[in-house]
N, C-alpha and C. Protein backbone atom coordinates (compact mmCIF):
# COMPACT_ATOMS: atom_id res chain seq x y z
N UNK A 1 88.76 95.07 76.64
CA UNK A 1 88.70 94.94 78.08
C UNK A 1 89.54 96.00 78.38
N UNK A 2 89.82 96.77 79.38
CA UNK A 2 90.66 97.49 79.88
C UNK A 2 91.39 96.79 81.11
N UNK A 3 92.68 97.27 81.27
CA UNK A 3 93.17 96.54 82.27
C UNK A 3 92.60 96.36 83.69
N UNK A 4 92.01 97.63 83.85
CA UNK A 4 91.55 97.96 85.34
C UNK A 4 90.38 96.91 85.21
N UNK A 5 89.56 96.43 84.30
CA UNK A 5 88.57 95.79 84.11
C UNK A 5 88.82 94.30 84.50
N UNK A 6 89.90 93.69 83.67
CA UNK A 6 90.47 92.65 83.80
C UNK A 6 90.71 92.12 84.98
N UNK A 7 91.61 93.27 85.62
CA UNK A 7 91.89 92.78 87.14
C UNK A 7 91.05 92.84 88.15
N UNK A 8 89.95 93.52 87.65
CA UNK A 8 88.60 93.59 89.09
C UNK A 8 88.04 92.16 88.26
N UNK A 9 88.05 91.75 87.39
CA UNK A 9 87.57 90.62 87.05
C UNK A 9 87.87 89.31 87.74
N UNK A 10 89.35 89.34 87.48
CA UNK A 10 90.33 88.28 88.01
C UNK A 10 90.07 88.04 89.41
N UNK A 11 90.14 89.50 90.07
CA UNK A 11 89.75 89.44 91.46
C UNK A 11 88.70 88.81 92.24
N UNK A 12 87.19 89.21 91.33
CA UNK A 12 86.22 88.77 91.46
C UNK A 12 86.22 87.31 91.37
N UNK A 13 86.59 86.78 90.07
CA UNK A 13 86.78 85.14 90.00
C UNK A 13 87.56 84.67 91.01
N UNK A 14 88.57 85.25 91.53
CA UNK A 14 89.56 84.78 92.73
C UNK A 14 88.82 84.52 93.81
N UNK A 15 88.07 85.40 94.13
CA UNK A 15 86.82 85.56 95.27
C UNK A 15 86.14 84.25 95.30
N UNK A 16 85.25 84.40 94.13
CA UNK A 16 84.52 83.23 94.13
C UNK A 16 84.83 81.61 94.02
N UNK A 17 86.22 81.56 93.66
CA UNK A 17 86.67 80.34 93.93
C UNK A 17 87.22 79.73 95.52
N UNK A 18 87.64 80.57 95.85
CA UNK A 18 88.15 80.79 97.13
C UNK A 18 86.74 80.78 98.13
N UNK A 19 85.83 81.16 98.22
CA UNK A 19 84.62 81.08 98.90
C UNK A 19 83.80 79.77 98.71
N UNK A 20 83.93 79.25 97.26
CA UNK A 20 83.17 78.12 97.18
C UNK A 20 83.86 76.71 97.60
N UNK A 21 85.39 76.78 97.34
CA UNK A 21 86.21 75.70 97.83
C UNK A 21 86.44 75.50 99.39
N UNK A 22 86.32 76.38 100.27
CA UNK A 22 85.92 76.01 101.72
C UNK A 22 84.97 75.15 102.24
N UNK A 23 85.53 74.62 103.31
CA UNK A 23 84.14 73.98 104.03
C UNK A 23 83.31 74.84 104.64
N UNK A 24 82.03 74.34 104.69
CA UNK A 24 80.96 75.25 105.52
C UNK A 24 81.07 75.27 106.91
N UNK A 25 81.11 76.67 107.39
CA UNK A 25 81.20 76.65 108.95
C UNK A 25 80.22 77.54 109.14
N UNK A 26 79.85 78.27 110.42
CA UNK A 26 78.92 78.89 110.72
C UNK A 26 79.73 80.33 111.20
N UNK A 27 81.01 80.45 111.09
CA UNK A 27 81.40 81.40 111.14
C UNK A 27 81.25 82.72 110.10
N UNK A 28 81.83 84.02 110.30
CA UNK A 28 82.15 84.83 109.03
C UNK A 28 83.51 84.90 108.85
N UNK A 29 83.88 85.27 107.85
CA UNK A 29 85.46 85.50 107.38
C UNK A 29 85.22 86.52 106.49
N UNK A 30 86.46 87.16 106.03
CA UNK A 30 86.96 88.22 105.63
C UNK A 30 87.92 87.84 104.65
N UNK A 31 87.88 88.61 103.35
CA UNK A 31 89.13 88.11 102.31
C UNK A 31 89.45 89.85 101.87
N UNK A 32 90.79 89.79 102.26
CA UNK A 32 91.50 91.46 101.62
C UNK A 32 91.65 91.07 100.51
N UNK A 33 91.06 92.11 99.31
CA UNK A 33 91.14 92.21 97.87
C UNK A 33 92.36 92.92 97.74
N UNK A 34 93.19 93.22 96.74
CA UNK A 34 93.95 94.01 96.45
C UNK A 34 95.40 93.61 96.11
N UNK A 35 96.51 94.34 95.83
CA UNK A 35 96.47 95.67 95.58
C UNK A 35 95.72 96.17 94.25
N UNK A 36 95.33 97.29 94.21
CA UNK A 36 94.69 97.74 92.73
C UNK A 36 95.76 98.98 92.61
N UNK A 37 95.70 99.18 91.56
CA UNK A 37 96.51 100.53 91.18
C UNK A 37 95.89 101.81 91.02
N UNK A 38 94.69 101.79 91.24
CA UNK A 38 93.69 103.01 91.31
C UNK A 38 92.67 102.62 91.99
N UNK A 39 92.31 104.11 92.52
CA UNK A 39 90.61 103.75 93.32
C UNK A 39 89.57 103.32 92.51
N UNK A 40 89.50 103.91 91.03
CA UNK A 40 88.35 103.47 90.13
C UNK A 40 88.69 101.88 90.20
N UNK A 41 89.64 101.20 89.95
CA UNK A 41 89.88 99.68 89.64
C UNK A 41 89.41 98.93 90.85
N UNK A 42 89.54 99.44 92.07
CA UNK A 42 88.97 99.06 93.25
C UNK A 42 87.55 99.23 93.46
N UNK A 43 86.98 100.15 92.87
CA UNK A 43 85.94 100.85 92.95
C UNK A 43 84.51 99.45 92.14
N UNK A 44 85.59 99.12 90.85
CA UNK A 44 84.71 98.44 90.03
C UNK A 44 84.85 96.81 90.62
N UNK A 45 85.95 96.65 91.52
CA UNK A 45 85.62 95.31 91.96
C UNK A 45 84.66 95.08 93.05
N UNK A 46 84.53 96.22 93.86
CA UNK A 46 83.83 96.47 95.08
C UNK A 46 82.35 96.11 94.34
N UNK A 47 81.83 96.89 93.19
CA UNK A 47 80.74 96.75 92.59
C UNK A 47 80.29 95.37 92.21
N UNK A 48 81.63 94.35 91.51
CA UNK A 48 81.38 93.29 91.03
C UNK A 48 80.99 92.20 92.66
N UNK A 49 81.69 92.65 93.25
CA UNK A 49 81.84 91.74 94.68
C UNK A 49 79.94 91.90 95.14
N UNK A 50 79.71 92.88 95.09
CA UNK A 50 78.39 93.58 95.68
C UNK A 50 77.28 92.83 94.84
N UNK A 51 77.51 92.73 93.38
CA UNK A 51 76.45 92.32 92.13
C UNK A 51 76.45 90.99 92.46
N UNK A 52 77.19 90.18 93.04
CA UNK A 52 77.10 88.76 93.30
C UNK A 52 76.47 88.42 94.74
N UNK A 53 76.05 89.26 95.52
CA UNK A 53 75.80 89.16 96.78
C UNK A 53 76.72 89.10 97.89
N UNK A 54 77.88 89.75 97.78
CA UNK A 54 78.76 90.00 98.96
C UNK A 54 78.89 90.98 99.57
N UNK A 55 78.85 91.42 100.96
CA UNK A 55 79.06 92.56 101.70
C UNK A 55 80.56 93.21 101.71
N UNK A 56 80.50 94.12 101.48
CA UNK A 56 82.42 94.72 101.18
C UNK A 56 82.33 95.79 102.20
N UNK A 57 83.59 96.17 102.60
CA UNK A 57 84.00 97.42 103.21
C UNK A 57 84.28 98.46 102.33
N UNK A 58 84.88 99.65 102.74
CA UNK A 58 85.17 100.74 101.60
C UNK A 58 86.43 100.26 101.20
N UNK A 59 86.88 100.93 100.09
CA UNK A 59 88.18 101.02 99.62
C UNK A 59 88.95 102.08 100.44
N UNK A 60 90.18 101.67 100.44
CA UNK A 60 91.25 102.49 101.07
C UNK A 60 92.60 102.29 100.43
N UNK A 61 93.40 103.26 100.84
CA UNK A 61 94.63 103.39 100.04
C UNK A 61 95.82 103.00 101.23
N UNK A 62 96.84 102.45 100.68
CA UNK A 62 97.98 102.19 101.16
C UNK A 62 99.30 102.95 100.58
N UNK A 63 100.02 103.05 101.18
CA UNK A 63 101.83 103.42 100.23
C UNK A 63 101.61 104.83 99.99
N UNK A 64 102.84 105.12 99.38
CA UNK A 64 102.59 106.39 99.00
C UNK A 64 102.22 107.85 99.80
N UNK A 65 102.51 108.91 99.11
CA UNK A 65 102.41 109.99 99.82
C UNK A 65 101.83 110.85 98.72
N UNK A 66 101.29 112.00 98.82
CA UNK A 66 100.48 112.86 98.05
C UNK A 66 101.27 113.27 96.74
N UNK A 67 102.42 113.43 97.12
CA UNK A 67 103.33 113.71 95.79
C UNK A 67 103.78 112.39 95.05
N UNK A 68 103.47 111.21 95.31
CA UNK A 68 103.70 109.90 94.90
C UNK A 68 102.56 109.22 94.34
N UNK A 69 101.27 109.44 93.95
CA UNK A 69 100.41 108.91 93.86
C UNK A 69 100.20 107.59 92.90
N UNK A 70 101.62 107.46 92.31
CA UNK A 70 101.59 106.37 91.42
C UNK A 70 102.06 105.08 92.24
N UNK A 71 102.81 105.47 93.92
CA UNK A 71 102.97 104.42 94.53
C UNK A 71 101.90 103.74 95.58
N UNK A 72 100.52 104.39 95.18
CA UNK A 72 99.75 104.16 96.14
C UNK A 72 98.83 102.83 95.42
N UNK A 73 98.46 102.10 96.74
CA UNK A 73 97.42 101.04 96.31
C UNK A 73 96.18 101.02 97.10
N UNK A 74 95.43 100.31 96.45
CA UNK A 74 94.08 100.17 96.90
C UNK A 74 93.39 98.80 97.38
N UNK A 75 92.89 98.65 98.61
CA UNK A 75 92.45 97.33 98.95
C UNK A 75 90.68 97.53 99.42
N UNK A 76 90.21 96.56 99.50
CA UNK A 76 88.73 96.74 100.22
C UNK A 76 88.70 95.24 100.61
N UNK A 77 87.76 94.95 101.74
CA UNK A 77 87.48 93.47 102.46
C UNK A 77 86.06 93.14 101.83
N UNK A 78 86.04 91.99 101.49
CA UNK A 78 84.93 91.09 101.35
C UNK A 78 84.43 90.09 102.64
N UNK A 79 83.27 90.21 102.82
CA UNK A 79 82.87 89.58 103.74
C UNK A 79 81.72 88.31 103.85
N UNK A 80 82.06 87.30 103.96
CA UNK A 80 81.39 85.66 103.56
C UNK A 80 81.32 85.06 104.93
N UNK A 81 80.36 83.95 104.82
CA UNK A 81 80.24 82.82 105.74
C UNK A 81 81.33 82.01 105.08
N UNK A 82 82.17 81.39 106.56
CA UNK A 82 82.67 80.29 106.11
C UNK A 82 82.80 79.17 106.93
């Protein structure tokens, strides 16, 4: 298993643990997932979250500049009822 797939799986497992551990309320919550070191790793995590039924935002990057892509980190939000 590649590092990006391992990190994406870990993020999905963390998401499931956090959402199932909270008390049931009628409001909506969101959880920021990341940082991922590449957009492709974040995209894999988005697809994993969607495959188990969660709504997600699109992936966005923060940090770094065009000449320093290695400093860039990627995030997305997962939306769920809490």
